[in-house]
Amino acid sequence: MTVHDGQISAGEPIVPPVVIDFPRPRRSPVHRHQDLTITVEWLGGTLVVAVDGDVDLCTAPMLHDILEANLSRTPRRVVVDLSLVRFLNTAGLEVLLDAHRRATPGTDVRLVATTRATWRPLQLTRTDERLHVHTSRAAAIAAPRWAAADTG
């Protein structure tokens, strides 16, 4: 349809069709196990690994594999967010320490621990003295490399 002298007639459309192709958001890979969900997200040179569920003898190998695969991409910082972890035992702690040991000298490994389920094992094993532990994901991402942990 077109408009001529205020009259609508058949023919050309008034506004030509425009196709807008919006880029689709990049989905974060999600890895699931019966008792554990792990989401991997890259924010520039920072790798954020969000862990939800129980980190124990059965699920720790999954976390290990994900951290190992992503450490090979040499991020500047790795943030392991344990905010949604309901249970963390020595198998999970060993995975976190192993990631810290395997990280290249240019990679900074940080943890986010907000609950007793994660803080208590970190303190009892003195892992909190070996790794930088923060009380929020934002603090772990934003902290300067040389900054001490934000223990709240």
N, C-alpha and C. Protein backbone atom coordinates (compact mmCIF):
# COMPACT_ATOMS: atom_id res chain seq x y z
N MET A 1 0.84 -1.17 0.00
CA MET A 1 0.00 0.00 0.00
C MET A 1 0.88 1.23 0.00
N THR A 2 0.44 2.26 -0.66
CA THR A 2 1.14 3.54 -0.65
C THR A 2 0.13 4.65 -0.43
N VAL A 3 0.63 5.80 -0.03
CA VAL A 3 -0.23 6.95 0.20
C VAL A 3 0.04 7.99 -0.88
N HIS A 4 -0.98 8.40 -1.63
CA HIS A 4 -0.88 9.46 -2.64
C HIS A 4 -1.97 10.46 -2.35
N ASP A 5 -1.59 11.70 -2.05
CA ASP A 5 -2.55 12.77 -1.78
C ASP A 5 -3.54 12.37 -0.69
N GLY A 6 -3.04 11.71 0.37
CA GLY A 6 -3.90 11.34 1.48
C GLY A 6 -4.70 10.08 1.25
N GLN A 7 -4.58 9.45 0.07
CA GLN A 7 -5.31 8.24 -0.25
C GLN A 7 -4.38 7.03 -0.17
N ILE A 8 -4.87 5.93 0.39
CA ILE A 8 -4.09 4.71 0.48
C ILE A 8 -4.43 3.86 -0.73
N SER A 9 -3.40 3.39 -1.43
CA SER A 9 -3.63 2.53 -2.58
C SER A 9 -2.70 1.34 -2.51
N ALA A 10 -3.06 0.29 -3.27
CA ALA A 10 -2.24 -0.93 -3.30
C ALA A 10 -0.94 -0.64 -4.03
N GLY A 11 0.10 -1.36 -3.71
CA GLY A 11 1.38 -1.17 -4.38
C GLY A 11 2.51 -1.28 -3.38
N GLU A 12 3.39 -0.28 -3.39
CA GLU A 12 4.54 -0.26 -2.51
C GLU A 12 4.10 -0.10 -1.05
N PRO A 13 4.80 -0.75 -0.11
CA PRO A 13 4.47 -0.53 1.30
C PRO A 13 4.87 0.88 1.74
N ILE A 14 4.16 1.40 2.74
CA ILE A 14 4.47 2.74 3.25
C ILE A 14 5.87 2.75 3.84
N VAL A 15 6.17 1.78 4.64
CA VAL A 15 7.50 1.65 5.24
C VAL A 15 8.07 0.32 4.79
N PRO A 16 9.24 0.36 4.18
CA PRO A 16 9.82 -0.91 3.73
C PRO A 16 10.14 -1.78 4.96
N PRO A 17 10.01 -3.09 4.81
CA PRO A 17 10.32 -3.97 5.95
C PRO A 17 11.81 -3.89 6.29
N VAL A 18 12.09 -3.88 7.58
CA VAL A 18 13.46 -3.84 8.06
C VAL A 18 13.67 -5.04 8.96
N VAL A 19 14.73 -5.75 8.71
CA VAL A 19 15.06 -6.91 9.54
C VAL A 19 16.22 -6.50 10.46
N ILE A 20 15.98 -6.61 11.74
CA ILE A 20 17.01 -6.29 12.72
C ILE A 20 17.43 -7.59 13.37
N ASP A 21 18.70 -7.87 13.26
CA ASP A 21 19.23 -9.10 13.85
C ASP A 21 19.99 -8.74 15.12
N PHE A 22 19.34 -8.96 16.27
CA PHE A 22 19.98 -8.69 17.55
C PHE A 22 20.88 -9.85 17.91
N PRO A 23 22.09 -9.54 18.40
CA PRO A 23 22.95 -10.66 18.81
C PRO A 23 22.36 -11.37 20.01
N ARG A 24 22.43 -12.66 19.98
CA ARG A 24 21.91 -13.45 21.10
C ARG A 24 22.91 -13.42 22.23
N PRO A 25 22.41 -13.31 23.47
CA PRO A 25 23.35 -13.32 24.59
C PRO A 25 24.09 -14.65 24.66
N ARG A 26 25.36 -14.58 25.02
CA ARG A 26 26.16 -15.79 25.12
C ARG A 26 25.77 -16.53 26.39
N ARG A 27 25.25 -17.70 26.22
CA ARG A 27 24.83 -18.50 27.37
C ARG A 27 26.05 -19.08 28.07
N SER A 28 26.00 -19.06 29.37
CA SER A 28 27.07 -19.66 30.16
C SER A 28 26.89 -21.16 30.16
N PRO A 29 27.97 -21.90 29.99
CA PRO A 29 27.84 -23.35 30.07
C PRO A 29 27.40 -23.77 31.47
N VAL A 30 26.44 -24.64 31.52
CA VAL A 30 25.94 -25.15 32.80
C VAL A 30 26.21 -26.64 32.84
N HIS A 31 26.84 -27.08 33.91
CA HIS A 31 27.17 -28.48 34.09
C HIS A 31 26.37 -28.98 35.29
N ARG A 32 25.66 -30.09 35.11
CA ARG A 32 24.80 -30.58 36.18
C ARG A 32 25.14 -32.01 36.57
N HIS A 33 25.02 -32.25 37.83
CA HIS A 33 25.12 -33.57 38.43
C HIS A 33 23.92 -33.65 39.35
N GLN A 34 23.60 -34.80 39.81
CA GLN A 34 22.43 -34.97 40.68
C GLN A 34 22.40 -33.95 41.82
N ASP A 35 23.52 -33.72 42.48
CA ASP A 35 23.56 -32.84 43.64
C ASP A 35 24.36 -31.56 43.42
N LEU A 36 24.72 -31.26 42.17
CA LEU A 36 25.59 -30.12 41.93
C LEU A 36 25.31 -29.51 40.56
N THR A 37 25.28 -28.16 40.52
CA THR A 37 25.19 -27.43 39.27
C THR A 37 26.33 -26.42 39.25
N ILE A 38 27.06 -26.38 38.16
CA ILE A 38 28.18 -25.46 38.02
C ILE A 38 27.95 -24.63 36.76
N THR A 39 28.04 -23.30 36.93
CA THR A 39 27.88 -22.38 35.81
C THR A 39 29.21 -21.66 35.59
N VAL A 40 29.64 -21.63 34.34
CA VAL A 40 30.90 -20.99 33.98
C VAL A 40 30.59 -19.74 33.18
N GLU A 41 31.21 -18.64 33.58
CA GLU A 41 30.98 -17.36 32.90
C GLU A 41 32.30 -16.62 32.79
N TRP A 42 32.54 -16.02 31.63
CA TRP A 42 33.74 -15.21 31.43
C TRP A 42 33.34 -13.75 31.42
N LEU A 43 34.00 -12.95 32.25
CA LEU A 43 33.81 -11.50 32.29
C LEU A 43 35.15 -10.87 31.94
N GLY A 44 35.36 -10.65 30.66
CA GLY A 44 36.67 -10.18 30.23
C GLY A 44 37.69 -11.27 30.49
N GLY A 45 38.73 -10.95 31.25
CA GLY A 45 39.76 -11.93 31.58
C GLY A 45 39.49 -12.66 32.88
N THR A 46 38.29 -12.47 33.44
CA THR A 46 37.94 -13.12 34.71
C THR A 46 37.01 -14.29 34.46
N LEU A 47 37.38 -15.42 35.00
CA LEU A 47 36.55 -16.63 34.94
C LEU A 47 35.76 -16.71 36.24
N VAL A 48 34.43 -16.77 36.13
CA VAL A 48 33.58 -16.93 37.31
C VAL A 48 32.94 -18.30 37.24
N VAL A 49 33.18 -19.10 38.26
CA VAL A 49 32.61 -20.45 38.35
C VAL A 49 31.67 -20.45 39.55
N ALA A 50 30.36 -20.49 39.26
CA ALA A 50 29.36 -20.48 40.32
C ALA A 50 28.95 -21.92 40.61
N VAL A 51 29.04 -22.30 41.88
CA VAL A 51 28.77 -23.67 42.30
C VAL A 51 27.51 -23.67 43.16
N ASP A 52 26.59 -24.59 42.86
CA ASP A 52 25.32 -24.69 43.57
C ASP A 52 25.08 -26.14 43.94
N GLY A 53 25.04 -26.44 45.25
CA GLY A 53 24.76 -27.81 45.69
C GLY A 53 25.78 -28.32 46.66
N ASP A 54 26.03 -29.61 46.61
CA ASP A 54 26.96 -30.29 47.51
C ASP A 54 28.27 -30.59 46.79
N VAL A 55 29.38 -30.18 47.39
CA VAL A 55 30.69 -30.49 46.83
C VAL A 55 31.31 -31.54 47.75
N ASP A 56 31.28 -32.79 47.28
CA ASP A 56 31.74 -33.91 48.09
C ASP A 56 32.55 -34.87 47.22
N LEU A 57 32.80 -36.05 47.73
CA LEU A 57 33.60 -37.04 47.02
C LEU A 57 33.03 -37.38 45.64
N CYS A 58 31.70 -37.38 45.51
CA CYS A 58 31.06 -37.74 44.23
C CYS A 58 31.08 -36.59 43.23
N THR A 59 30.94 -35.35 43.70
CA THR A 59 30.80 -34.22 42.79
C THR A 59 32.09 -33.42 42.59
N ALA A 60 33.05 -33.57 43.50
CA ALA A 60 34.30 -32.80 43.39
C ALA A 60 35.04 -33.04 42.07
N PRO A 61 35.05 -34.26 41.51
CA PRO A 61 35.74 -34.44 40.22
C PRO A 61 35.15 -33.58 39.10
N MET A 62 33.85 -33.34 39.13
CA MET A 62 33.24 -32.49 38.11
C MET A 62 33.77 -31.06 38.24
N LEU A 63 33.83 -30.55 39.46
CA LEU A 63 34.38 -29.20 39.69
C LEU A 63 35.85 -29.16 39.27
N HIS A 64 36.60 -30.19 39.60
CA HIS A 64 38.02 -30.26 39.21
C HIS A 64 38.17 -30.18 37.70
N ASP A 65 37.39 -30.97 36.97
CA ASP A 65 37.50 -31.00 35.51
C ASP A 65 37.18 -29.64 34.89
N ILE A 66 36.17 -28.97 35.41
CA ILE A 66 35.77 -27.66 34.88
C ILE A 66 36.86 -26.63 35.16
N LEU A 67 37.38 -26.62 36.37
CA LEU A 67 38.45 -25.67 36.70
C LEU A 67 39.70 -25.94 35.88
N GLU A 68 40.08 -27.20 35.75
CA GLU A 68 41.28 -27.54 34.99
C GLU A 68 41.14 -27.14 33.53
N ALA A 69 39.99 -27.41 32.92
CA ALA A 69 39.78 -27.06 31.52
C ALA A 69 39.86 -25.56 31.30
N ASN A 70 39.32 -24.79 32.23
CA ASN A 70 39.31 -23.34 32.06
C ASN A 70 40.62 -22.68 32.48
N LEU A 71 41.35 -23.29 33.39
CA LEU A 71 42.66 -22.74 33.76
C LEU A 71 43.63 -22.80 32.59
N SER A 72 43.43 -23.75 31.69
CA SER A 72 44.31 -23.85 30.52
C SER A 72 44.15 -22.65 29.59
N ARG A 73 43.07 -21.88 29.76
CA ARG A 73 42.85 -20.67 28.96
C ARG A 73 43.51 -19.45 29.60
N THR A 74 44.24 -19.65 30.68
CA THR A 74 45.00 -18.65 31.44
C THR A 74 44.23 -17.35 31.70
N PRO A 75 43.16 -17.44 32.50
CA PRO A 75 42.45 -16.21 32.88
C PRO A 75 43.33 -15.36 33.81
N ARG A 76 43.03 -14.07 33.89
CA ARG A 76 43.74 -13.20 34.83
C ARG A 76 43.29 -13.48 36.26
N ARG A 77 42.01 -13.83 36.41
CA ARG A 77 41.46 -14.11 37.73
C ARG A 77 40.43 -15.22 37.62
N VAL A 78 40.41 -16.10 38.62
CA VAL A 78 39.39 -17.14 38.72
C VAL A 78 38.63 -16.87 40.02
N VAL A 79 37.33 -16.71 39.90
CA VAL A 79 36.47 -16.52 41.08
C VAL A 79 35.57 -17.75 41.18
N VAL A 80 35.72 -18.50 42.26
CA VAL A 80 34.86 -19.65 42.52
C VAL A 80 33.84 -19.21 43.55
N ASP A 81 32.60 -19.07 43.10
CA ASP A 81 31.52 -18.58 43.96
C ASP A 81 30.84 -19.77 44.63
N LEU A 82 31.05 -19.88 45.94
CA LEU A 82 30.49 -20.97 46.73
C LEU A 82 29.24 -20.53 47.51
N SER A 83 28.65 -19.41 47.14
CA SER A 83 27.52 -18.85 47.89
C SER A 83 26.34 -19.81 48.01
N LEU A 84 26.12 -20.65 47.00
CA LEU A 84 24.98 -21.55 47.00
C LEU A 84 25.34 -22.99 47.37
N VAL A 85 26.56 -23.17 47.87
CA VAL A 85 27.00 -24.51 48.28
C VAL A 85 26.39 -24.84 49.64
N ARG A 86 25.77 -26.01 49.71
CA ARG A 86 25.13 -26.44 50.96
C ARG A 86 26.03 -27.35 51.79
N PHE A 87 27.01 -27.96 51.13
CA PHE A 87 27.92 -28.88 51.82
C PHE A 87 29.26 -28.86 51.11
N LEU A 88 30.34 -28.73 51.88
CA LEU A 88 31.69 -28.70 51.32
C LEU A 88 32.58 -29.55 52.22
N ASN A 89 33.15 -30.61 51.64
CA ASN A 89 34.03 -31.45 52.46
C ASN A 89 35.46 -31.36 51.93
N THR A 90 36.34 -32.19 52.47
CA THR A 90 37.76 -32.12 52.12
C THR A 90 38.03 -32.41 50.65
N ALA A 91 37.19 -33.21 50.01
CA ALA A 91 37.38 -33.46 48.57
C ALA A 91 37.20 -32.15 47.79
N GLY A 92 36.21 -31.37 48.16
CA GLY A 92 35.99 -30.07 47.52
C GLY A 92 37.10 -29.09 47.84
N LEU A 93 37.55 -29.09 49.10
CA LEU A 93 38.65 -28.20 49.49
C LEU A 93 39.92 -28.53 48.71
N GLU A 94 40.18 -29.81 48.52
CA GLU A 94 41.36 -30.23 47.76
C GLU A 94 41.28 -29.75 46.32
N VAL A 95 40.10 -29.76 45.72
CA VAL A 95 39.93 -29.26 44.35
C VAL A 95 40.26 -27.77 44.29
N LEU A 96 39.80 -27.01 45.28
CA LEU A 96 40.07 -25.58 45.31
C LEU A 96 41.56 -25.29 45.48
N LEU A 97 42.20 -26.02 46.38
CA LEU A 97 43.64 -25.85 46.58
C LEU A 97 44.43 -26.27 45.35
N ASP A 98 43.98 -27.34 44.69
CA ASP A 98 44.64 -27.80 43.47
C ASP A 98 44.55 -26.73 42.38
N ALA A 99 43.39 -26.10 42.25
CA ALA A 99 43.23 -25.03 41.25
C ALA A 99 44.18 -23.88 41.56
N HIS A 100 44.32 -23.57 42.83
CA HIS A 100 45.25 -22.50 43.25
C HIS A 100 46.70 -22.88 42.88
N ARG A 101 47.07 -24.12 43.12
CA ARG A 101 48.42 -24.59 42.80
C ARG A 101 48.66 -24.61 41.28
N ARG A 102 47.66 -25.00 40.52
CA ARG A 102 47.82 -25.15 39.06
C ARG A 102 47.76 -23.82 38.31
N ALA A 103 47.21 -22.81 38.94
CA ALA A 103 47.08 -21.51 38.27
C ALA A 103 48.46 -20.96 37.93
N THR A 104 48.57 -20.35 36.77
CA THR A 104 49.83 -19.74 36.37
C THR A 104 50.13 -18.56 37.28
N PRO A 105 51.37 -18.10 37.32
CA PRO A 105 51.69 -16.96 38.19
C PRO A 105 50.86 -15.71 37.88
N GLY A 106 50.37 -15.57 36.66
CA GLY A 106 49.56 -14.41 36.31
C GLY A 106 48.08 -14.57 36.62
N THR A 107 47.69 -15.72 37.17
CA THR A 107 46.28 -15.98 37.47
C THR A 107 46.05 -15.89 38.97
N ASP A 108 45.06 -15.11 39.33
CA ASP A 108 44.70 -14.86 40.72
C ASP A 108 43.44 -15.68 41.04
N VAL A 109 43.49 -16.55 42.04
CA VAL A 109 42.34 -17.39 42.40
C VAL A 109 41.67 -16.82 43.64
N ARG A 110 40.35 -16.60 43.55
CA ARG A 110 39.56 -16.05 44.66
C ARG A 110 38.36 -16.95 44.92
N LEU A 111 37.93 -16.98 46.18
CA LEU A 111 36.72 -17.71 46.57
C LEU A 111 35.69 -16.74 47.10
N VAL A 112 34.42 -17.11 46.94
CA VAL A 112 33.32 -16.38 47.57
C VAL A 112 32.65 -17.37 48.50
N ALA A 113 32.66 -17.04 49.80
CA ALA A 113 32.03 -17.90 50.80
C ALA A 113 31.13 -17.02 51.67
N THR A 114 29.85 -17.36 51.71
CA THR A 114 28.90 -16.52 52.44
C THR A 114 28.13 -17.26 53.52
N THR A 115 28.28 -18.57 53.58
CA THR A 115 27.49 -19.33 54.54
C THR A 115 28.38 -20.15 55.45
N ARG A 116 27.80 -20.61 56.54
CA ARG A 116 28.53 -21.46 57.48
C ARG A 116 28.97 -22.76 56.80
N ALA A 117 28.17 -23.24 55.86
CA ALA A 117 28.49 -24.50 55.17
C ALA A 117 29.81 -24.42 54.42
N THR A 118 30.22 -23.21 54.03
CA THR A 118 31.50 -23.07 53.33
C THR A 118 32.57 -22.45 54.23
N TRP A 119 32.18 -21.49 55.04
CA TRP A 119 33.16 -20.83 55.92
C TRP A 119 33.78 -21.80 56.92
N ARG A 120 32.94 -22.62 57.52
CA ARG A 120 33.43 -23.51 58.58
C ARG A 120 34.53 -24.47 58.08
N PRO A 121 34.31 -25.19 56.98
CA PRO A 121 35.39 -26.06 56.48
C PRO A 121 36.65 -25.28 56.07
N LEU A 122 36.45 -24.09 55.49
CA LEU A 122 37.61 -23.28 55.10
C LEU A 122 38.43 -22.87 56.32
N GLN A 123 37.76 -22.53 57.41
CA GLN A 123 38.45 -22.12 58.63
C GLN A 123 39.07 -23.31 59.36
N LEU A 124 38.32 -24.40 59.49
CA LEU A 124 38.84 -25.56 60.22
C LEU A 124 40.11 -26.12 59.60
N THR A 125 40.19 -26.09 58.29
CA THR A 125 41.35 -26.63 57.59
C THR A 125 42.41 -25.56 57.28
N ARG A 126 42.13 -24.34 57.71
CA ARG A 126 42.99 -23.18 57.46
C ARG A 126 43.19 -22.89 55.97
N THR A 127 42.27 -23.37 55.17
CA THR A 127 42.31 -23.07 53.73
C THR A 127 42.09 -21.58 53.51
N ASP A 128 41.33 -20.94 54.39
CA ASP A 128 41.09 -19.50 54.27
C ASP A 128 42.38 -18.69 54.43
N GLU A 129 43.41 -19.29 55.01
CA GLU A 129 44.70 -18.62 55.14
C GLU A 129 45.55 -18.77 53.88
N ARG A 130 45.22 -19.73 53.04
CA ARG A 130 46.00 -19.98 51.82
C ARG A 130 45.35 -19.38 50.58
N LEU A 131 44.03 -19.19 50.61
CA LEU A 131 43.31 -18.65 49.46
C LEU A 131 42.63 -17.34 49.84
N HIS A 132 42.46 -16.46 48.87
CA HIS A 132 41.74 -15.22 49.09
C HIS A 132 40.24 -15.53 49.14
N VAL A 133 39.60 -15.20 50.25
CA VAL A 133 38.18 -15.48 50.43
C VAL A 133 37.44 -14.16 50.60
N HIS A 134 36.35 -14.00 49.85
CA HIS A 134 35.55 -12.78 49.90
C HIS A 134 34.11 -13.12 50.28
N THR A 135 33.39 -12.11 50.73
CA THR A 135 32.00 -12.31 51.14
C THR A 135 31.00 -11.99 50.04
N SER A 136 31.47 -11.56 48.87
CA SER A 136 30.56 -11.33 47.74
C SER A 136 31.32 -11.54 46.43
N ARG A 137 30.56 -11.87 45.41
CA ARG A 137 31.16 -12.07 44.09
C ARG A 137 31.74 -10.75 43.57
N ALA A 138 31.00 -9.67 43.78
CA ALA A 138 31.46 -8.36 43.31
C ALA A 138 32.80 -7.99 43.94
N ALA A 139 32.95 -8.25 45.24
CA ALA A 139 34.21 -7.93 45.92
C ALA A 139 35.35 -8.79 45.38
N ALA A 140 35.08 -10.04 45.11
CA ALA A 140 36.12 -10.94 44.59
C ALA A 140 36.56 -10.52 43.19
N ILE A 141 35.63 -10.06 42.38
CA ILE A 141 35.96 -9.64 41.02
C ILE A 141 36.71 -8.32 41.02
N ALA A 142 36.27 -7.39 41.88
CA ALA A 142 36.81 -6.03 41.85
C ALA A 142 38.10 -5.84 42.65
N ALA A 143 38.41 -6.72 43.58
CA ALA A 143 39.57 -6.53 44.44
C ALA A 143 40.86 -6.48 43.63
N PRO A 144 41.74 -5.55 43.99
CA PRO A 144 43.05 -5.53 43.32
C PRO A 144 43.80 -6.82 43.62
N ARG A 145 44.68 -7.17 42.75
CA ARG A 145 45.42 -8.43 42.87
C ARG A 145 46.15 -8.56 44.20
N TRP A 146 46.69 -7.49 44.71
CA TRP A 146 47.48 -7.54 45.94
C TRP A 146 46.63 -7.35 47.19
N ALA A 147 45.31 -7.13 47.04
CA ALA A 147 44.47 -6.86 48.20
C ALA A 147 44.26 -8.10 49.05
N ALA A 148 44.17 -7.89 50.33
CA ALA A 148 43.85 -8.98 51.25
C ALA A 148 42.40 -9.38 51.08
N ALA A 149 42.06 -10.55 51.54
CA ALA A 149 40.70 -11.06 51.41
C ALA A 149 39.72 -10.19 52.19
N ASP A 150 38.50 -10.13 51.67
CA ASP A 150 37.40 -9.42 52.33
C ASP A 150 36.66 -10.41 53.20
N THR A 151 36.99 -10.44 54.46
CA THR A 151 36.40 -11.43 55.35
C THR A 151 35.16 -10.92 56.06
N GLY A 152 34.67 -9.78 55.63
CA GLY A 152 33.41 -9.26 56.15
C GLY A 152 33.54 -8.78 57.53
